Every structure is written in C-alpha cells, then in structure tokens.
Amino acid sequence: MAFRNPRVASVAQYELQDEPKLAVFNTGLCFASGRCKPALAAYAMPLYVERLGAGARIFGLVRAGRGTRATVTIQNRRRTAFRTVAVVHTSRWGYLLTRVADYGGRWRLVVGSGAARRVSRTALAGA
C-alpha cells in the first residue's frame, strides 16, 4: 500500500534491537541478546503475493545498493520443488511489482547465483 502511494516518503521500524527491559514495548528485529527474530528475514527481502482473479500480483524489495537494479527470479512451489515462474528486474530503488499467472502455493524471490545467491522467505499466495 505504501509503495503505491506517492505521498509516502519512507517507512520506519522503531528499533533494530530490543531494549533489555522487558517492560518496554519492544519492536526490534533482534532480541536484546542480539539473537535475530524471524521477522529479520522478511525485513531483509520482503515479499508480498496478492491474488488478482486468475493471476497474482507480486511485490518485493531487494536491497542491492542505492541505484542498483537487480535481476530477480520469482519461484513458486505447489507440491515438492520450487520452479521458476518469471524473471524480472527491480527498479533502481530495488522494488519489483509484477503480475504472474496464479499457481497458488508458496512463493519466493531468488537473487544471484552460487555463493552470492540470496533467497527470500516464502510467502503464501493471497496471504
């Protein structure tokens, strides 16, 4: 929603690491001990899949560096293995927004290959 609204200039996360006091409203991506929460993976490379009739709209963000466009493979898994559905390029800000045929199941983004390969968390279609 924020991506499509030109009036939104930024989105803020309150803290990256929780406060040591448990009474404080902690919203960090890591616990006070430094151990990472599961949300950190989603923050690093967010992915959102929305059903649109017979298809799906996929929104993602790849933090490749300022002004750098990345090539992203969109994959889907219905049963056992992920398969490539589309290959797209991000904007110079790292965002991607595209439509694909809806195969249901789980989705993920893959950037790069070999040792430099990064994989997003999986997202359920329509979730």
N, C-alpha and C. Protein backbone atom coordinates (compact mmCIF):
# COMPACT_ATOMS: atom_id res chain seq x y z
N MET A 1 0.82 -1.18 0.00
CA MET A 1 0.00 0.00 0.00
C MET A 1 0.88 1.26 0.00
N ALA A 2 1.90 1.25 0.84
CA ALA A 2 2.78 2.42 0.92
C ALA A 2 3.57 2.60 -0.37
N PHE A 3 3.98 1.51 -1.00
CA PHE A 3 4.76 1.56 -2.24
C PHE A 3 3.99 2.26 -3.35
N ARG A 4 2.68 2.03 -3.42
CA ARG A 4 1.87 2.58 -4.50
C ARG A 4 1.38 4.00 -4.21
N ASN A 5 1.58 4.51 -3.01
CA ASN A 5 1.13 5.85 -2.64
C ASN A 5 2.30 6.82 -2.76
N PRO A 6 2.28 7.72 -3.74
CA PRO A 6 3.41 8.64 -3.93
C PRO A 6 3.62 9.61 -2.77
N ARG A 7 2.65 9.74 -1.89
CA ARG A 7 2.79 10.64 -0.75
C ARG A 7 3.61 10.03 0.38
N VAL A 8 3.83 8.71 0.36
CA VAL A 8 4.63 8.06 1.40
C VAL A 8 6.10 8.16 1.03
N ALA A 9 6.87 8.84 1.85
CA ALA A 9 8.29 9.05 1.57
C ALA A 9 9.16 7.96 2.19
N SER A 10 8.74 7.40 3.32
CA SER A 10 9.53 6.36 3.97
C SER A 10 8.67 5.59 4.95
N VAL A 11 9.20 4.45 5.37
CA VAL A 11 8.55 3.64 6.39
C VAL A 11 9.59 3.39 7.46
N ALA A 12 9.23 3.50 8.72
CA ALA A 12 10.20 3.38 9.80
C ALA A 12 9.95 2.14 10.65
N GLN A 13 11.02 1.52 11.05
CA GLN A 13 10.99 0.44 12.04
C GLN A 13 11.43 1.09 13.34
N TYR A 14 10.73 0.85 14.43
CA TYR A 14 11.06 1.53 15.68
C TYR A 14 12.49 1.27 16.12
N GLU A 15 12.87 0.01 16.25
CA GLU A 15 14.21 -0.33 16.71
C GLU A 15 14.71 -1.54 15.94
N LEU A 16 16.01 -1.65 15.80
CA LEU A 16 16.56 -2.86 15.20
C LEU A 16 16.79 -3.92 16.26
N GLN A 17 17.08 -3.50 17.50
CA GLN A 17 17.31 -4.45 18.59
C GLN A 17 16.47 -4.05 19.78
N ASP A 18 15.87 -5.04 20.44
CA ASP A 18 15.03 -4.79 21.62
C ASP A 18 15.82 -4.18 22.76
N GLU A 19 15.10 -3.48 23.62
CA GLU A 19 15.68 -2.94 24.86
C GLU A 19 15.83 -4.09 25.86
N PRO A 20 16.80 -4.00 26.75
CA PRO A 20 16.97 -5.07 27.75
C PRO A 20 15.80 -5.17 28.74
N LYS A 21 15.08 -4.08 28.97
CA LYS A 21 13.96 -4.09 29.92
C LYS A 21 12.74 -4.72 29.25
N LEU A 22 12.19 -5.75 29.86
CA LEU A 22 11.03 -6.44 29.30
C LEU A 22 9.76 -5.60 29.37
N ALA A 23 9.72 -4.63 30.27
CA ALA A 23 8.53 -3.79 30.42
C ALA A 23 8.37 -2.80 29.27
N VAL A 24 9.42 -2.62 28.49
CA VAL A 24 9.40 -1.68 27.37
C VAL A 24 8.71 -2.35 26.18
N PHE A 25 8.00 -1.56 25.38
CA PHE A 25 7.35 -2.07 24.16
C PHE A 25 8.44 -2.33 23.13
N ASN A 26 8.88 -3.58 23.02
CA ASN A 26 9.98 -3.94 22.14
C ASN A 26 9.47 -4.33 20.76
N THR A 27 10.02 -3.68 19.75
CA THR A 27 9.60 -3.92 18.36
C THR A 27 10.78 -4.26 17.47
N GLY A 28 11.91 -4.58 18.06
CA GLY A 28 13.12 -4.80 17.30
C GLY A 28 13.10 -6.05 16.42
N LEU A 29 14.03 -6.09 15.49
CA LEU A 29 14.19 -7.25 14.63
C LEU A 29 15.13 -8.28 15.26
N CYS A 30 15.79 -7.90 16.36
CA CYS A 30 16.63 -8.81 17.13
C CYS A 30 16.28 -8.65 18.61
N PHE A 31 16.45 -9.73 19.36
CA PHE A 31 16.23 -9.67 20.80
C PHE A 31 17.35 -8.85 21.43
N ALA A 32 17.18 -8.45 22.69
CA ALA A 32 18.20 -7.68 23.40
C ALA A 32 19.53 -8.44 23.45
N SER A 33 19.49 -9.76 23.44
CA SER A 33 20.71 -10.58 23.48
C SER A 33 21.47 -10.54 22.16
N GLY A 34 20.82 -10.03 21.10
CA GLY A 34 21.45 -9.99 19.78
C GLY A 34 20.97 -11.09 18.86
N ARG A 35 20.28 -12.11 19.42
CA ARG A 35 19.75 -13.20 18.60
C ARG A 35 18.64 -12.65 17.71
N CYS A 36 18.65 -13.02 16.43
CA CYS A 36 17.70 -12.47 15.46
C CYS A 36 16.32 -13.11 15.59
N LYS A 37 15.30 -12.28 15.38
CA LYS A 37 13.92 -12.76 15.34
C LYS A 37 13.60 -13.20 13.91
N PRO A 38 12.59 -14.06 13.74
CA PRO A 38 12.21 -14.50 12.39
C PRO A 38 11.85 -13.33 11.46
N ALA A 39 11.38 -12.24 11.99
CA ALA A 39 10.98 -11.09 11.16
C ALA A 39 12.15 -10.45 10.44
N LEU A 40 13.39 -10.69 10.89
CA LEU A 40 14.54 -10.07 10.26
C LEU A 40 14.67 -10.52 8.80
N ALA A 41 14.40 -11.77 8.51
CA ALA A 41 14.48 -12.28 7.13
C ALA A 41 13.46 -11.58 6.24
N ALA A 42 12.28 -11.35 6.76
CA ALA A 42 11.24 -10.66 5.98
C ALA A 42 11.60 -9.20 5.76
N TYR A 43 12.28 -8.59 6.71
CA TYR A 43 12.70 -7.20 6.57
C TYR A 43 13.82 -7.07 5.55
N ALA A 44 14.71 -8.05 5.51
CA ALA A 44 15.85 -8.01 4.60
C ALA A 44 15.42 -8.08 3.13
N MET A 45 14.44 -8.92 2.81
CA MET A 45 13.96 -9.04 1.44
C MET A 45 12.46 -9.33 1.49
N PRO A 46 11.63 -8.29 1.64
CA PRO A 46 10.19 -8.51 1.78
C PRO A 46 9.55 -9.03 0.49
N LEU A 47 8.51 -9.82 0.67
CA LEU A 47 7.77 -10.41 -0.43
C LEU A 47 6.30 -10.44 -0.05
N TYR A 48 5.45 -9.97 -0.96
CA TYR A 48 4.00 -10.00 -0.72
C TYR A 48 3.32 -10.46 -2.00
N VAL A 49 2.44 -11.45 -1.88
CA VAL A 49 1.72 -12.01 -3.02
C VAL A 49 0.23 -11.78 -2.79
N GLU A 50 -0.43 -11.19 -3.79
CA GLU A 50 -1.85 -10.88 -3.70
C GLU A 50 -2.57 -11.50 -4.89
N ARG A 51 -3.61 -12.28 -4.63
CA ARG A 51 -4.40 -12.86 -5.72
C ARG A 51 -5.16 -11.77 -6.44
N LEU A 52 -5.18 -11.88 -7.77
CA LEU A 52 -5.95 -10.97 -8.60
C LEU A 52 -6.68 -11.80 -9.64
N GLY A 53 -7.87 -12.23 -9.33
CA GLY A 53 -8.64 -13.07 -10.25
C GLY A 53 -7.90 -14.36 -10.54
N ALA A 54 -7.59 -14.59 -11.82
CA ALA A 54 -6.87 -15.80 -12.21
C ALA A 54 -5.37 -15.65 -12.07
N GLY A 55 -4.89 -14.47 -11.67
CA GLY A 55 -3.46 -14.24 -11.55
C GLY A 55 -3.07 -13.78 -10.17
N ALA A 56 -1.84 -13.34 -10.05
CA ALA A 56 -1.34 -12.83 -8.78
C ALA A 56 -0.44 -11.63 -9.03
N ARG A 57 -0.46 -10.70 -8.08
CA ARG A 57 0.45 -9.56 -8.13
C ARG A 57 1.54 -9.82 -7.08
N ILE A 58 2.77 -9.63 -7.48
CA ILE A 58 3.91 -9.88 -6.59
C ILE A 58 4.65 -8.58 -6.35
N PHE A 59 4.83 -8.25 -5.07
CA PHE A 59 5.60 -7.08 -4.67
C PHE A 59 6.80 -7.57 -3.89
N GLY A 60 7.95 -7.00 -4.16
CA GLY A 60 9.14 -7.36 -3.41
C GLY A 60 10.13 -6.22 -3.37
N LEU A 61 11.12 -6.37 -2.51
CA LEU A 61 12.19 -5.38 -2.37
C LEU A 61 13.50 -6.13 -2.21
N VAL A 62 14.47 -5.77 -3.03
CA VAL A 62 15.81 -6.35 -2.95
C VAL A 62 16.76 -5.22 -2.61
N ARG A 63 17.45 -5.34 -1.51
CA ARG A 63 18.38 -4.29 -1.08
C ARG A 63 19.76 -4.55 -1.71
N ALA A 64 19.88 -4.19 -2.99
CA ALA A 64 21.10 -4.46 -3.75
C ALA A 64 22.09 -3.29 -3.69
N GLY A 65 21.66 -2.17 -3.18
CA GLY A 65 22.52 -0.99 -3.13
C GLY A 65 21.85 0.16 -3.86
N ARG A 66 22.09 1.34 -3.41
CA ARG A 66 21.43 2.52 -3.96
C ARG A 66 21.68 2.66 -5.46
N GLY A 67 20.61 2.80 -6.22
CA GLY A 67 20.72 2.99 -7.65
C GLY A 67 21.04 1.74 -8.44
N THR A 68 21.03 0.59 -7.79
CA THR A 68 21.39 -0.67 -8.45
C THR A 68 20.14 -1.48 -8.75
N ARG A 69 20.00 -1.86 -10.00
CA ARG A 69 18.90 -2.74 -10.39
C ARG A 69 19.36 -4.18 -10.25
N ALA A 70 18.48 -5.04 -9.77
CA ALA A 70 18.81 -6.46 -9.60
C ALA A 70 17.91 -7.31 -10.47
N THR A 71 18.44 -8.44 -10.92
CA THR A 71 17.63 -9.43 -11.63
C THR A 71 17.12 -10.41 -10.60
N VAL A 72 15.80 -10.61 -10.58
CA VAL A 72 15.16 -11.43 -9.56
C VAL A 72 14.38 -12.56 -10.24
N THR A 73 14.58 -13.77 -9.74
CA THR A 73 13.82 -14.93 -10.21
C THR A 73 12.66 -15.14 -9.24
N ILE A 74 11.45 -15.17 -9.77
CA ILE A 74 10.26 -15.43 -8.95
C ILE A 74 9.95 -16.91 -9.09
N GLN A 75 9.87 -17.60 -7.96
CA GLN A 75 9.62 -19.04 -7.98
C GLN A 75 8.37 -19.38 -7.19
N ASN A 76 7.76 -20.51 -7.58
CA ASN A 76 6.54 -20.98 -6.96
C ASN A 76 6.67 -22.47 -6.66
N ARG A 77 6.09 -22.89 -5.54
CA ARG A 77 6.07 -24.31 -5.19
C ARG A 77 4.65 -24.72 -4.82
N ARG A 78 4.11 -25.65 -5.57
CA ARG A 78 2.79 -26.19 -5.24
C ARG A 78 2.90 -27.48 -4.48
N ARG A 79 3.84 -28.31 -4.84
CA ARG A 79 3.97 -29.61 -4.17
C ARG A 79 5.36 -29.80 -3.57
N THR A 80 6.32 -30.24 -4.36
CA THR A 80 7.62 -30.60 -3.78
C THR A 80 8.73 -29.60 -4.03
N ALA A 81 8.92 -29.18 -5.27
CA ALA A 81 10.09 -28.34 -5.59
C ALA A 81 9.64 -26.97 -6.12
N PHE A 82 10.47 -25.97 -5.87
CA PHE A 82 10.21 -24.65 -6.43
C PHE A 82 10.52 -24.66 -7.92
N ARG A 83 9.74 -23.91 -8.69
CA ARG A 83 10.00 -23.77 -10.12
C ARG A 83 9.93 -22.30 -10.49
N THR A 84 10.69 -21.91 -11.49
CA THR A 84 10.74 -20.52 -11.92
C THR A 84 9.48 -20.16 -12.69
N VAL A 85 8.85 -19.06 -12.28
CA VAL A 85 7.63 -18.57 -12.92
C VAL A 85 7.94 -17.34 -13.77
N ALA A 86 8.87 -16.50 -13.30
CA ALA A 86 9.22 -15.28 -14.03
C ALA A 86 10.60 -14.80 -13.59
N VAL A 87 11.24 -14.07 -14.47
CA VAL A 87 12.49 -13.38 -14.15
C VAL A 87 12.25 -11.90 -14.45
N VAL A 88 12.44 -11.05 -13.45
CA VAL A 88 12.16 -9.62 -13.60
C VAL A 88 13.34 -8.80 -13.09
N HIS A 89 13.32 -7.52 -13.40
CA HIS A 89 14.35 -6.59 -12.92
C HIS A 89 13.69 -5.62 -11.95
N THR A 90 14.40 -5.29 -10.90
CA THR A 90 13.88 -4.31 -9.95
C THR A 90 14.03 -2.91 -10.52
N SER A 91 13.35 -1.97 -9.89
CA SER A 91 13.56 -0.56 -10.22
C SER A 91 14.93 -0.18 -9.68
N ARG A 92 15.38 1.03 -9.94
CA ARG A 92 16.68 1.45 -9.41
C ARG A 92 16.67 1.60 -7.90
N TRP A 93 15.48 1.58 -7.30
CA TRP A 93 15.35 1.64 -5.84
C TRP A 93 15.24 0.24 -5.24
N GLY A 94 15.23 -0.80 -6.08
CA GLY A 94 15.20 -2.18 -5.59
C GLY A 94 13.83 -2.81 -5.52
N TYR A 95 12.77 -2.08 -5.92
CA TYR A 95 11.42 -2.62 -5.84
C TYR A 95 11.05 -3.40 -7.10
N LEU A 96 10.17 -4.38 -6.91
CA LEU A 96 9.56 -5.04 -8.06
C LEU A 96 8.07 -5.16 -7.79
N LEU A 97 7.31 -4.98 -8.84
CA LEU A 97 5.86 -5.13 -8.79
C LEU A 97 5.46 -5.69 -10.14
N THR A 98 4.97 -6.93 -10.14
CA THR A 98 4.64 -7.58 -11.40
C THR A 98 3.45 -8.50 -11.21
N ARG A 99 2.86 -8.90 -12.32
CA ARG A 99 1.76 -9.86 -12.31
C ARG A 99 2.23 -11.15 -12.95
N VAL A 100 1.76 -12.27 -12.40
CA VAL A 100 2.07 -13.58 -12.95
C VAL A 100 0.81 -14.44 -12.90
N ALA A 101 0.82 -15.54 -13.63
CA ALA A 101 -0.29 -16.49 -13.54
C ALA A 101 -0.29 -17.05 -12.12
N ASP A 102 -1.46 -17.24 -11.55
CA ASP A 102 -1.55 -17.70 -10.16
C ASP A 102 -1.45 -19.22 -10.11
N TYR A 103 -0.38 -19.71 -9.51
CA TYR A 103 -0.22 -21.15 -9.32
C TYR A 103 -0.52 -21.56 -7.89
N GLY A 104 -0.94 -20.62 -7.04
CA GLY A 104 -1.21 -20.94 -5.64
C GLY A 104 0.08 -21.32 -4.92
N GLY A 105 -0.05 -21.99 -3.79
CA GLY A 105 1.12 -22.50 -3.07
C GLY A 105 2.01 -21.44 -2.46
N ARG A 106 3.30 -21.74 -2.41
CA ARG A 106 4.29 -20.85 -1.81
C ARG A 106 5.11 -20.16 -2.88
N TRP A 107 5.55 -18.94 -2.56
CA TRP A 107 6.33 -18.12 -3.49
C TRP A 107 7.62 -17.70 -2.81
N ARG A 108 8.66 -17.44 -3.62
CA ARG A 108 9.90 -16.89 -3.09
C ARG A 108 10.62 -16.11 -4.19
N LEU A 109 11.53 -15.23 -3.75
CA LEU A 109 12.39 -14.47 -4.65
C LEU A 109 13.80 -15.01 -4.52
N VAL A 110 14.49 -15.13 -5.65
CA VAL A 110 15.89 -15.56 -5.64
C VAL A 110 16.70 -14.51 -6.39
N VAL A 111 17.79 -14.05 -5.77
CA VAL A 111 18.66 -13.04 -6.36
C VAL A 111 20.05 -13.63 -6.44
N GLY A 112 20.68 -13.54 -7.61
CA GLY A 112 22.05 -14.03 -7.78
C GLY A 112 22.11 -15.53 -7.92
N SER A 113 23.34 -16.05 -7.93
CA SER A 113 23.55 -17.49 -8.05
C SER A 113 24.81 -17.89 -7.31
N GLY A 114 25.01 -19.18 -7.12
CA GLY A 114 26.19 -19.69 -6.44
C GLY A 114 26.30 -19.17 -5.02
N ALA A 115 27.50 -18.81 -4.60
CA ALA A 115 27.74 -18.34 -3.23
C ALA A 115 27.07 -17.00 -2.97
N ALA A 116 26.81 -16.22 -4.02
CA ALA A 116 26.18 -14.90 -3.86
C ALA A 116 24.66 -14.98 -3.88
N ARG A 117 24.10 -16.17 -3.98
CA ARG A 117 22.65 -16.34 -4.07
C ARG A 117 21.96 -15.99 -2.75
N ARG A 118 20.90 -15.17 -2.85
CA ARG A 118 20.08 -14.83 -1.69
C ARG A 118 18.66 -15.24 -1.97
N VAL A 119 18.00 -15.86 -1.01
CA VAL A 119 16.62 -16.33 -1.17
C VAL A 119 15.76 -15.67 -0.12
N SER A 120 14.59 -15.15 -0.53
CA SER A 120 13.67 -14.52 0.40
C SER A 120 12.97 -15.58 1.23
N ARG A 121 12.28 -15.14 2.25
CA ARG A 121 11.38 -16.04 2.97
C ARG A 121 10.27 -16.42 2.00
N THR A 122 9.55 -17.47 2.28
CA THR A 122 8.45 -17.84 1.39
C THR A 122 7.19 -17.12 1.83
N ALA A 123 6.30 -16.88 0.89
CA ALA A 123 5.02 -16.25 1.17
C ALA A 123 3.92 -17.10 0.56
N LEU A 124 2.82 -17.22 1.25
CA LEU A 124 1.67 -17.94 0.71
C LEU A 124 0.91 -17.04 -0.22
N ALA A 125 0.45 -17.58 -1.33
CA ALA A 125 -0.37 -16.80 -2.27
C ALA A 125 -1.62 -16.33 -1.54
N GLY A 126 -1.93 -15.06 -1.72
CA GLY A 126 -3.12 -14.50 -1.10
C GLY A 126 -2.93 -14.15 0.37
N ALA A 127 -1.75 -14.41 0.92
CA ALA A 127 -1.52 -14.14 2.34
C ALA A 127 -1.04 -12.72 2.56
